[in-house]
């Protein structure tokens, strides 16, 4: 399994409704990409006070790297990821990604 973990530093004026819409579109890809096991998103609670710049994030679980590549190339992902980048401080600089092979 592959865990695709994405952490976002949204611009202060980024609209919460727009953020939620982007997350819901990404989560909706689960029905279109069978090898996308789950996609969950939420606000960063930052209990340890180590990631205050990153307000939100999501974790997508794929059966393997090939499934992740299908997700990356999916037209809806390509379109919505551009919106996500535009909502973050510094564009791509406001996004941190960890890809973890687990299990």
PDB file of N, CA and C in Angstrom:
ATOM      1  N   UNK A   1       0.836  -1.189   0.000  1.00  0.00           N
ATOM      2  CA  UNK A   1       0.000   0.000   0.000  1.00  0.00           C
ATOM      3  C   UNK A   1       0.876   1.246   0.000  1.00  0.00           C
ATOM      4  N   UNK A   2       0.352   2.284  -0.599  1.00  0.00           N
ATOM      5  CA  UNK A   2       1.043   3.561  -0.666  1.00  0.00           C
ATOM      6  C   UNK A   2       0.154   4.628  -0.031  1.00  0.00           C
ATOM      7  N   UNK A   3       0.713   5.349   0.941  1.00  0.00           N
ATOM      8  CA  UNK A   3       0.017   6.460   1.588  1.00  0.00           C
ATOM      9  C   UNK A   3       0.597   7.756   1.010  1.00  0.00           C
ATOM     10  N   UNK A   4      -0.248   8.507   0.336  1.00  0.00           N
ATOM     11  CA  UNK A   4       0.114   9.791  -0.260  1.00  0.00           C
ATOM     12  C   UNK A   4      -0.407  10.868   0.685  1.00  0.00           C
ATOM     13  N   UNK A   5       0.498  11.469   1.463  1.00  0.00           N
ATOM     14  CA  UNK A   5       0.137  12.415   2.519  1.00  0.00           C
ATOM     15  C   UNK A   5       0.471  13.834   2.056  1.00  0.00           C
ATOM     16  N   UNK A   6      -0.517  14.695   2.021  1.00  0.00           N
ATOM     17  CA  UNK A   6      -0.349  16.045   1.488  1.00  0.00           C
ATOM     18  C   UNK A   6      -0.779  17.049   2.561  1.00  0.00           C
ATOM     19  N   UNK A   7       0.120  17.983   2.863  1.00  0.00           N
ATOM     20  CA  UNK A   7      -0.129  18.987   3.893  1.00  0.00           C
ATOM     21  C   UNK A   7      -0.074  20.369   3.262  1.00  0.00           C
ATOM     22  N   UNK A   8      -1.050  21.215   3.603  1.00  0.00           N
ATOM     23  CA  UNK A   8      -1.289  22.458   2.869  1.00  0.00           C
ATOM     24  C   UNK A   8      -1.212  23.684   3.763  1.00  0.00           C
ATOM     25  N   UNK A   9      -0.532  24.708   3.256  1.00  0.00           N
ATOM     26  CA  UNK A   9      -0.464  26.013   3.900  1.00  0.00           C
ATOM     27  C   UNK A   9      -1.353  26.946   3.082  1.00  0.00           C
ATOM     28  N   UNK A  10      -2.647  26.942   3.396  1.00  0.00           N
ATOM     29  CA  UNK A  10      -3.580  27.771   2.647  1.00  0.00           C
ATOM     30  C   UNK A  10      -3.329  29.255   2.910  1.00  0.00           C
ATOM     31  N   UNK A  11      -3.548  30.056   1.877  1.00  0.00           N
ATOM     32  CA  UNK A  11      -3.469  31.507   2.032  1.00  0.00           C
ATOM     33  C   UNK A  11      -4.535  31.940   3.038  1.00  0.00           C
ATOM     34  N   UNK A  12      -4.243  32.984   3.825  1.00  0.00           N
ATOM     35  CA  UNK A  12      -5.218  33.437   4.823  1.00  0.00           C
ATOM     36  C   UNK A  12      -6.574  33.809   4.218  1.00  0.00           C
ATOM     37  N   UNK A  13      -6.582  34.286   2.982  1.00  0.00           N
ATOM     38  CA  UNK A  13      -7.845  34.688   2.358  1.00  0.00           C
ATOM     39  C   UNK A  13      -8.476  33.570   1.525  1.00  0.00           C
ATOM     40  N   UNK A  14      -7.915  32.364   1.618  1.00  0.00           N
ATOM     41  CA  UNK A  14      -8.469  31.224   0.885  1.00  0.00           C
ATOM     42  C   UNK A  14      -9.827  30.856   1.470  1.00  0.00           C
ATOM     43  N   UNK A  15     -10.796  30.685   0.607  1.00  0.00           N
ATOM     44  CA  UNK A  15     -12.173  30.421   1.007  1.00  0.00           C
ATOM     45  C   UNK A  15     -12.336  28.979   1.486  1.00  0.00           C
ATOM     46  N   UNK A  16     -12.890  28.807   2.692  1.00  0.00           N
ATOM     47  CA  UNK A  16     -13.093  27.466   3.272  1.00  0.00           C
ATOM     48  C   UNK A  16     -14.008  26.609   2.409  1.00  0.00           C
ATOM     49  N   UNK A  17     -15.019  27.203   1.817  1.00  0.00           N
ATOM     50  CA  UNK A  17     -15.937  26.439   0.961  1.00  0.00           C
ATOM     51  C   UNK A  17     -15.204  25.916  -0.276  1.00  0.00           C
ATOM     52  N   UNK A  18     -14.311  26.734  -0.850  1.00  0.00           N
ATOM     53  CA  UNK A  18     -13.514  26.294  -1.999  1.00  0.00           C
ATOM     54  C   UNK A  18     -12.566  25.161  -1.609  1.00  0.00           C
ATOM     55  N   UNK A  19     -11.973  25.292  -0.432  1.00  0.00           N
ATOM     56  CA  UNK A  19     -11.079  24.238   0.054  1.00  0.00           C
ATOM     57  C   UNK A  19     -11.839  22.918   0.170  1.00  0.00           C
ATOM     58  N   UNK A  20     -12.999  22.972   0.799  1.00  0.00           N
ATOM     59  CA  UNK A  20     -13.801  21.769   0.990  1.00  0.00           C
ATOM     60  C   UNK A  20     -14.213  21.173  -0.354  1.00  0.00           C
ATOM     61  N   UNK A  21     -14.575  22.015  -1.292  1.00  0.00           N
ATOM     62  CA  UNK A  21     -14.963  21.530  -2.618  1.00  0.00           C
ATOM     63  C   UNK A  21     -13.815  20.761  -3.286  1.00  0.00           C
ATOM     64  N   UNK A  22     -12.603  21.293  -3.197  1.00  0.00           N
ATOM     65  CA  UNK A  22     -11.439  20.616  -3.770  1.00  0.00           C
ATOM     66  C   UNK A  22     -11.237  19.257  -3.100  1.00  0.00           C
ATOM     67  N   UNK A  23     -11.310  19.217  -1.773  1.00  0.00           N
ATOM     68  CA  UNK A  23     -11.145  17.946  -1.067  1.00  0.00           C
ATOM     69  C   UNK A  23     -12.226  16.944  -1.476  1.00  0.00           C
ATOM     70  N   UNK A  24     -13.442  17.405  -1.616  1.00  0.00           N
ATOM     71  CA  UNK A  24     -14.532  16.503  -1.989  1.00  0.00           C
ATOM     72  C   UNK A  24     -14.365  15.974  -3.414  1.00  0.00           C
ATOM     73  N   UNK A  25     -13.866  16.809  -4.316  1.00  0.00           N
ATOM     74  CA  UNK A  25     -13.601  16.346  -5.687  1.00  0.00           C
ATOM     75  C   UNK A  25     -12.528  15.265  -5.662  1.00  0.00           C
ATOM     76  N   UNK A  26     -11.459  15.499  -4.911  1.00  0.00           N
ATOM     77  CA  UNK A  26     -10.392  14.495  -4.820  1.00  0.00           C
ATOM     78  C   UNK A  26     -10.921  13.202  -4.212  1.00  0.00           C
ATOM     79  N   UNK A  27     -11.700  13.312  -3.131  1.00  0.00           N
ATOM     80  CA  UNK A  27     -12.252  12.115  -2.495  1.00  0.00           C
ATOM     81  C   UNK A  27     -13.189  11.379  -3.450  1.00  0.00           C
ATOM     82  N   UNK A  28     -13.857  12.113  -4.325  1.00  0.00           N
ATOM     83  CA  UNK A  28     -14.758  11.508  -5.291  1.00  0.00           C
ATOM     84  C   UNK A  28     -14.059  10.662  -6.341  1.00  0.00           C
ATOM     85  N   UNK A  29     -12.766  10.832  -6.472  1.00  0.00           N
ATOM     86  CA  UNK A  29     -12.017  10.017  -7.431  1.00  0.00           C
ATOM     87  C   UNK A  29     -11.955   8.554  -7.006  1.00  0.00           C
ATOM     88  N   UNK A  30     -12.274   8.293  -5.752  1.00  0.00           N
ATOM     89  CA  UNK A  30     -12.284   6.912  -5.274  1.00  0.00           C
ATOM     90  C   UNK A  30     -13.201   6.051  -6.130  1.00  0.00           C
ATOM     91  N   UNK A  31     -14.319   6.585  -6.548  1.00  0.00           N
ATOM     92  CA  UNK A  31     -15.238   5.835  -7.379  1.00  0.00           C
ATOM     93  C   UNK A  31     -14.777   5.660  -8.814  1.00  0.00           C
ATOM     94  N   UNK A  32     -13.832   6.481  -9.240  1.00  0.00           N
ATOM     95  CA  UNK A  32     -13.346   6.432 -10.618  1.00  0.00           C
ATOM     96  C   UNK A  32     -12.029   5.676 -10.765  1.00  0.00           C
ATOM     97  N   UNK A  33     -11.273   5.591  -9.699  1.00  0.00           N
ATOM     98  CA  UNK A  33      -9.990   4.881  -9.713  1.00  0.00           C
ATOM     99  C   UNK A  33     -10.096   3.754  -8.694  1.00  0.00           C
ATOM    100  N   UNK A  34     -10.406   2.538  -9.139  1.00  0.00           N
ATOM    101  CA  UNK A  34     -10.651   1.433  -8.199  1.00  0.00           C
ATOM    102  C   UNK A  34      -9.492   1.164  -7.235  1.00  0.00           C
ATOM    103  N   UNK A  35      -8.281   1.442  -7.661  1.00  0.00           N
ATOM    104  CA  UNK A  35      -7.115   1.166  -6.820  1.00  0.00           C
ATOM    105  C   UNK A  35      -6.848   2.266  -5.790  1.00  0.00           C
ATOM    106  N   UNK A  36      -7.685   3.316  -5.813  1.00  0.00           N
ATOM    107  CA  UNK A  36      -7.647   4.340  -4.769  1.00  0.00           C
ATOM    108  C   UNK A  36      -8.526   3.815  -3.637  1.00  0.00           C
ATOM    109  N   UNK A  37      -7.885   3.354  -2.575  1.00  0.00           N
ATOM    110  CA  UNK A  37      -8.584   2.697  -1.473  1.00  0.00           C
ATOM    111  C   UNK A  37      -9.376   3.698  -0.641  1.00  0.00           C
ATOM    112  N   UNK A  38      -8.776   4.841  -0.354  1.00  0.00           N
ATOM    113  CA  UNK A  38      -9.453   5.865   0.443  1.00  0.00           C
ATOM    114  C   UNK A  38      -8.774   7.207   0.245  1.00  0.00           C
ATOM    115  N   UNK A  39      -9.520   8.261   0.522  1.00  0.00           N
ATOM    116  CA  UNK A  39      -8.961   9.606   0.564  1.00  0.00           C
ATOM    117  C   UNK A  39      -9.706  10.343   1.662  1.00  0.00           C
ATOM    118  N   UNK A  40      -8.961  10.705   2.684  1.00  0.00           N
ATOM    119  CA  UNK A  40      -9.532  11.381   3.846  1.00  0.00           C
ATOM    120  C   UNK A  40      -8.830  12.721   4.020  1.00  0.00           C
ATOM    121  N   UNK A  41      -9.586  13.717   4.468  1.00  0.00           N
ATOM    122  CA  UNK A  41      -9.021  15.055   4.620  1.00  0.00           C
ATOM    123  C   UNK A  41      -9.527  15.685   5.917  1.00  0.00           C
ATOM    124  N   UNK A  42      -8.806  16.715   6.356  1.00  0.00           N
ATOM    125  CA  UNK A  42      -9.229  17.416   7.556  1.00  0.00           C
ATOM    126  C   UNK A  42      -8.274  18.528   7.940  1.00  0.00           C
ATOM    127  N   UNK A  43      -8.656  19.226   8.993  1.00  0.00           N
ATOM    128  CA  UNK A  43      -7.825  20.310   9.519  1.00  0.00           C
ATOM    129  C   UNK A  43      -6.697  19.737  10.377  1.00  0.00           C
ATOM    130  N   UNK A  44      -5.567  20.419  10.366  1.00  0.00           N
ATOM    131  CA  UNK A  44      -4.428  20.039  11.192  1.00  0.00           C
ATOM    132  C   UNK A  44      -4.688  20.460  12.631  1.00  0.00           C
ATOM    133  N   UNK A  45      -4.749  19.515  13.521  1.00  0.00           N
ATOM    134  CA  UNK A  45      -4.948  19.816  14.935  1.00  0.00           C
ATOM    135  C   UNK A  45      -3.645  20.177  15.640  1.00  0.00           C
ATOM    136  N   UNK A  46      -2.517  19.771  15.091  1.00  0.00           N
ATOM    137  CA  UNK A  46      -1.176  20.157  15.552  1.00  0.00           C
ATOM    138  C   UNK A  46      -1.021  20.108  17.072  1.00  0.00           C
ATOM    139  N   UNK A  47      -1.331  18.978  17.650  1.00  0.00           N
ATOM    140  CA  UNK A  47      -1.240  18.807  19.096  1.00  0.00           C
ATOM    141  C   UNK A  47       0.166  19.071  19.634  1.00  0.00           C
ATOM    142  N   UNK A  48       1.192  18.780  18.838  1.00  0.00           N
ATOM    143  CA  UNK A  48       2.576  18.954  19.303  1.00  0.00           C
ATOM    144  C   UNK A  48       3.168  20.310  18.929  1.00  0.00           C
ATOM    145  N   UNK A  49       2.392  21.140  18.266  1.00  0.00           N
ATOM    146  CA  UNK A  49       2.828  22.486  17.866  1.00  0.00           C
ATOM    147  C   UNK A  49       4.107  22.445  17.020  1.00  0.00           C
ATOM    148  N   UNK A  50       4.121  21.547  16.020  1.00  0.00           N
ATOM    149  CA  UNK A  50       5.296  21.411  15.156  1.00  0.00           C
ATOM    150  C   UNK A  50       4.997  21.700  13.687  1.00  0.00           C
ATOM    151  N   UNK A  51       3.725  21.921  13.357  1.00  0.00           N
ATOM    152  CA  UNK A  51       3.382  22.103  11.944  1.00  0.00           C
ATOM    153  C   UNK A  51       2.329  23.198  11.770  1.00  0.00           C
ATOM    154  N   UNK A  52       2.506  24.291  12.486  1.00  0.00           N
ATOM    155  CA  UNK A  52       1.509  25.344  12.526  1.00  0.00           C
ATOM    156  C   UNK A  52       1.248  25.995  11.173  1.00  0.00           C
ATOM    157  N   UNK A  53       2.225  25.981  10.269  1.00  0.00           N
ATOM    158  CA  UNK A  53       2.046  26.609   8.965  1.00  0.00           C
ATOM    159  C   UNK A  53       1.069  25.838   8.081  1.00  0.00           C
ATOM    160  N   UNK A  54       0.856  24.565   8.384  1.00  0.00           N
ATOM    161  CA  UNK A  54       0.025  23.713   7.533  1.00  0.00           C
ATOM    162  C   UNK A  54      -1.330  23.496   8.203  1.00  0.00           C
ATOM    163  N   UNK A  55      -2.334  24.175   7.665  1.00  0.00           N
ATOM    164  CA  UNK A  55      -3.648  24.201   8.309  1.00  0.00           C
ATOM    165  C   UNK A  55      -4.509  22.985   8.013  1.00  0.00           C
ATOM    166  N   UNK A  56      -4.266  22.342   6.885  1.00  0.00           N
ATOM    167  CA  UNK A  56      -5.128  21.248   6.441  1.00  0.00           C
ATOM    168  C   UNK A  56      -4.289  20.217   5.685  1.00  0.00           C
ATOM    169  N   UNK A  57      -4.916  19.073   5.441  1.00  0.00           N
ATOM    170  CA  UNK A  57      -4.224  18.070   4.654  1.00  0.00           C
ATOM    171  C   UNK A  57      -5.140  16.929   4.284  1.00  0.00           C
ATOM    172  N   UNK A  58      -4.579  16.024   3.480  1.00  0.00           N
ATOM    173  CA  UNK A  58      -5.317  14.816   3.136  1.00  0.00           C
ATOM    174  C   UNK A  58      -4.348  13.660   2.964  1.00  0.00           C
ATOM    175  N   UNK A  59      -4.892  12.474   3.130  1.00  0.00           N
ATOM    176  CA  UNK A  59      -4.121  11.245   2.939  1.00  0.00           C
ATOM    177  C   UNK A  59      -4.913  10.352   1.997  1.00  0.00           C
ATOM    178  N   UNK A  60      -4.270  10.022   0.884  1.00  0.00           N
ATOM    179  CA  UNK A  60      -4.864   9.104  -0.086  1.00  0.00           C
ATOM    180  C   UNK A  60      -4.115   7.781   0.028  1.00  0.00           C
ATOM    181  N   UNK A  61      -4.850   6.696   0.070  1.00  0.00           N
ATOM    182  CA  UNK A  61      -4.257   5.360   0.148  1.00  0.00           C
ATOM    183  C   UNK A  61      -4.495   4.639  -1.174  1.00  0.00           C
ATOM    184  N   UNK A  62      -3.411   4.161  -1.768  1.00  0.00           N
ATOM    185  CA  UNK A  62      -3.454   3.444  -3.042  1.00  0.00           C
ATOM    186  C   UNK A  62      -2.923   2.031  -2.850  1.00  0.00           C
ATOM    187  N   UNK A  63      -3.344   1.124  -3.721  1.00  0.00           N
ATOM    188  CA  UNK A  63      -2.835  -0.239  -3.595  1.00  0.00           C
ATOM    189  C   UNK A  63      -1.359  -0.323  -3.972  1.00  0.00           C
ATOM    190  N   UNK A  64      -0.908   0.579  -4.863  1.00  0.00           N
ATOM    191  CA  UNK A  64       0.494   0.572  -5.264  1.00  0.00           C
ATOM    192  C   UNK A  64       0.832   1.875  -5.993  1.00  0.00           C
ATOM    193  N   UNK A  65       2.079   1.995  -6.401  1.00  0.00           N
ATOM    194  CA  UNK A  65       2.545   3.209  -7.098  1.00  0.00           C
ATOM    195  C   UNK A  65       1.826   3.398  -8.429  1.00  0.00           C
ATOM    196  N   UNK A  66       1.547   2.320  -9.128  1.00  0.00           N
ATOM    197  CA  UNK A  66       0.855   2.430 -10.411  1.00  0.00           C
ATOM    198  C   UNK A  66      -0.509   3.098 -10.237  1.00  0.00           C
ATOM    199  N   UNK A  67      -1.217   2.740  -9.192  1.00  0.00           N
ATOM    200  CA  UNK A  67      -2.513   3.369  -8.922  1.00  0.00           C
ATOM    201  C   UNK A  67      -2.334   4.860  -8.637  1.00  0.00           C
ATOM    202  N   UNK A  68      -1.266   5.203  -7.938  1.00  0.00           N
ATOM    203  CA  UNK A  68      -0.969   6.611  -7.660  1.00  0.00           C
ATOM    204  C   UNK A  68      -0.706   7.358  -8.957  1.00  0.00           C
ATOM    205  N   UNK A  69       0.010   6.733  -9.886  1.00  0.00           N
ATOM    206  CA  UNK A  69       0.271   7.361 -11.180  1.00  0.00           C
ATOM    207  C   UNK A  69      -1.023   7.589 -11.959  1.00  0.00           C
ATOM    208  N   UNK A  70      -1.956   6.651 -11.874  1.00  0.00           N
ATOM    209  CA  UNK A  70      -3.264   6.819 -12.529  1.00  0.00           C
ATOM    210  C   UNK A  70      -4.000   8.012 -11.937  1.00  0.00           C
ATOM    211  N   UNK A  71      -3.934   8.151 -10.623  1.00  0.00           N
ATOM    212  CA  UNK A  71      -4.547   9.281  -9.919  1.00  0.00           C
ATOM    213  C   UNK A  71      -3.923  10.591 -10.375  1.00  0.00           C
ATOM    214  N   UNK A  72      -2.602  10.638 -10.441  1.00  0.00           N
ATOM    215  CA  UNK A  72      -1.901  11.861 -10.851  1.00  0.00           C
ATOM    216  C   UNK A  72      -2.305  12.293 -12.255  1.00  0.00           C
ATOM    217  N   UNK A  73      -2.509  11.335 -13.149  1.00  0.00           N
ATOM    218  CA  UNK A  73      -2.815  11.636 -14.544  1.00  0.00           C
ATOM    219  C   UNK A  73      -4.308  11.843 -14.807  1.00  0.00           C
ATOM    220  N   UNK A  74      -5.150  11.501 -13.848  1.00  0.00           N
ATOM    221  CA  UNK A  74      -6.591  11.619 -14.048  1.00  0.00           C
ATOM    222  C   UNK A  74      -6.943  13.088 -14.332  1.00  0.00           C
ATOM    223  N   UNK A  75      -7.735  13.357 -15.383  1.00  0.00           N
ATOM    224  CA  UNK A  75      -8.042  14.742 -15.755  1.00  0.00           C
ATOM    225  C   UNK A  75      -8.648  15.578 -14.617  1.00  0.00           C
ATOM    226  N   UNK A  76      -9.492  14.979 -13.807  1.00  0.00           N
ATOM    227  CA  UNK A  76     -10.098  15.730 -12.699  1.00  0.00           C
ATOM    228  C   UNK A  76      -9.040  16.099 -11.660  1.00  0.00           C
ATOM    229  N   UNK A  77      -8.098  15.195 -11.394  1.00  0.00           N
ATOM    230  CA  UNK A  77      -7.014  15.499 -10.456  1.00  0.00           C
ATOM    231  C   UNK A  77      -6.141  16.616 -11.002  1.00  0.00           C
ATOM    232  N   UNK A  78      -5.816  16.541 -12.273  1.00  0.00           N
ATOM    233  CA  UNK A  78      -4.968  17.568 -12.882  1.00  0.00           C
ATOM    234  C   UNK A  78      -5.625  18.940 -12.746  1.00  0.00           C
ATOM    235  N   UNK A  79      -6.915  19.000 -13.024  1.00  0.00           N
ATOM    236  CA  UNK A  79      -7.642  20.270 -12.961  1.00  0.00           C
ATOM    237  C   UNK A  79      -7.719  20.804 -11.526  1.00  0.00           C
ATOM    238  N   UNK A  80      -8.101  19.959 -10.600  1.00  0.00           N
ATOM    239  CA  UNK A  80      -8.318  20.415  -9.229  1.00  0.00           C
ATOM    240  C   UNK A  80      -6.991  20.680  -8.505  1.00  0.00           C
ATOM    241  N   UNK A  81      -5.940  19.981  -8.878  1.00  0.00           N
ATOM    242  CA  UNK A  81      -4.653  20.229  -8.213  1.00  0.00           C
ATOM    243  C   UNK A  81      -4.142  21.623  -8.531  1.00  0.00           C
ATOM    244  N   UNK A  82      -4.439  22.131  -9.724  1.00  0.00           N
ATOM    245  CA  UNK A  82      -4.076  23.513 -10.049  1.00  0.00           C
ATOM    246  C   UNK A  82      -4.784  24.505  -9.144  1.00  0.00           C
ATOM    247  N   UNK A  83      -6.050  24.244  -8.873  1.00  0.00           N
ATOM    248  CA  UNK A  83      -6.805  25.094  -7.938  1.00  0.00           C
ATOM    249  C   UNK A  83      -6.182  25.047  -6.552  1.00  0.00           C
ATOM    250  N   UNK A  84      -5.802  23.848  -6.129  1.00  0.00           N
ATOM    251  CA  UNK A  84      -5.213  23.667  -4.804  1.00  0.00           C
ATOM    252  C   UNK A  84      -3.908  24.452  -4.680  1.00  0.00           C
ATOM    253  N   UNK A  85      -3.064  24.364  -5.693  1.00  0.00           N
ATOM    254  CA  UNK A  85      -1.794  25.101  -5.690  1.00  0.00           C
ATOM    255  C   UNK A  85      -2.055  26.599  -5.593  1.00  0.00           C
ATOM    256  N   UNK A  86      -3.034  27.089  -6.345  1.00  0.00           N
ATOM    257  CA  UNK A  86      -3.352  28.521  -6.318  1.00  0.00           C
ATOM    258  C   UNK A  86      -3.830  28.993  -4.949  1.00  0.00           C
ATOM    259  N   UNK A  87      -4.413  28.106  -4.149  1.00  0.00           N
ATOM    260  CA  UNK A  87      -4.925  28.474  -2.825  1.00  0.00           C
ATOM    261  C   UNK A  87      -3.843  28.514  -1.753  1.00  0.00           C
ATOM    262  N   UNK A  88      -2.641  28.011  -2.064  1.00  0.00           N
ATOM    263  CA  UNK A  88      -1.597  27.880  -1.041  1.00  0.00           C
ATOM    264  C   UNK A  88      -0.588  29.014  -1.096  1.00  0.00           C
ATOM    265  N   UNK A  89      -0.050  29.349   0.065  1.00  0.00           N
ATOM    266  CA  UNK A  89       0.988  30.365   0.179  1.00  0.00           C
ATOM    267  C   UNK A  89       2.189  29.933  -0.656  1.00  0.00           C
ATOM    268  N   UNK A  90       2.585  30.763  -1.607  1.00  0.00           N
ATOM    269  CA  UNK A  90       3.742  30.444  -2.442  1.00  0.00           C
ATOM    270  C   UNK A  90       3.468  29.355  -3.469  1.00  0.00           C
ATOM    271  N   UNK A  91       2.205  29.048  -3.715  1.00  0.00           N
ATOM    272  CA  UNK A  91       1.888  28.008  -4.698  1.00  0.00           C
ATOM    273  C   UNK A  91       2.403  26.658  -4.241  1.00  0.00           C
ATOM    274  N   UNK A  92       3.233  26.027  -5.068  1.00  0.00           N
ATOM    275  CA  UNK A  92       3.798  24.711  -4.735  1.00  0.00           C
ATOM    276  C   UNK A  92       4.582  24.736  -3.422  1.00  0.00           C
ATOM    277  N   UNK A  93       5.159  25.902  -3.103  1.00  0.00           N
ATOM    278  CA  UNK A  93       5.957  26.011  -1.873  1.00  0.00           C
ATOM    279  C   UNK A  93       5.098  25.832  -0.622  1.00  0.00           C
ATOM    280  N   UNK A  94       3.799  26.026  -0.752  1.00  0.00           N
ATOM    281  CA  UNK A  94       2.897  25.898   0.391  1.00  0.00           C
ATOM    282  C   UNK A  94       2.324  24.498   0.556  1.00  0.00           C
ATOM    283  N   UNK A  95       2.954  23.527  -0.117  1.00  0.00           N
ATOM    284  CA  UNK A  95       2.472  22.143  -0.059  1.00  0.00           C
ATOM    285  C   UNK A  95       3.632  21.220   0.258  1.00  0.00           C
ATOM    286  N   UNK A  96       3.416  20.343   1.225  1.00  0.00           N
ATOM    287  CA  UNK A  96       4.396  19.309   1.584  1.00  0.00           C
ATOM    288  C   UNK A  96       3.759  17.961   1.306  1.00  0.00           C
ATOM    289  N   UNK A  97       4.521  17.073   0.660  1.00  0.00           N
ATOM    290  CA  UNK A  97       4.013  15.758   0.309  1.00  0.00           C
ATOM    291  C   UNK A  97       4.957  14.686   0.850  1.00  0.00           C
ATOM    292  N   UNK A  98       4.368  13.674   1.500  1.00  0.00           N
ATOM    293  CA  UNK A  98       5.097  12.485   1.915  1.00  0.00           C
ATOM    294  C   UNK A  98       4.405  11.293   1.257  1.00  0.00           C
ATOM    295  N   UNK A  99       5.181  10.439   0.604  1.00  0.00           N
ATOM    296  CA  UNK A  99       4.659   9.205   0.053  1.00  0.00           C
ATOM    297  C   UNK A  99       5.301   8.045   0.810  1.00  0.00           C
ATOM    298  N   UNK A 100       4.466   7.289   1.513  1.00  0.00           N
ATOM    299  CA  UNK A 100       4.960   6.234   2.384  1.00  0.00           C
ATOM    300  C   UNK A 100       4.483   4.885   1.914  1.00  0.00           C
ATOM    301  N   UNK A 101       5.400   3.948   1.737  1.00  0.00           N
ATOM    302  CA  UNK A 101       5.010   2.579   1.439  1.00  0.00           C
ATOM    303  C   UNK A 101       4.793   1.860   2.757  1.00  0.00           C
ATOM    304  N   UNK A 102       3.600   1.315   2.934  1.00  0.00           N
ATOM    305  CA  UNK A 102       3.243   0.679   4.208  1.00  0.00           C
ATOM    306  C   UNK A 102       2.703  -0.718   3.965  1.00  0.00           C
ATOM    307  N   UNK A 103       2.720  -1.514   5.035  1.00  0.00           N
ATOM    308  CA  UNK A 103       2.096  -2.835   4.983  1.00  0.00           C
ATOM    309  C   UNK A 103       2.854  -3.900   4.292  1.00  0.00           C
TER     310      UNK A 103
END
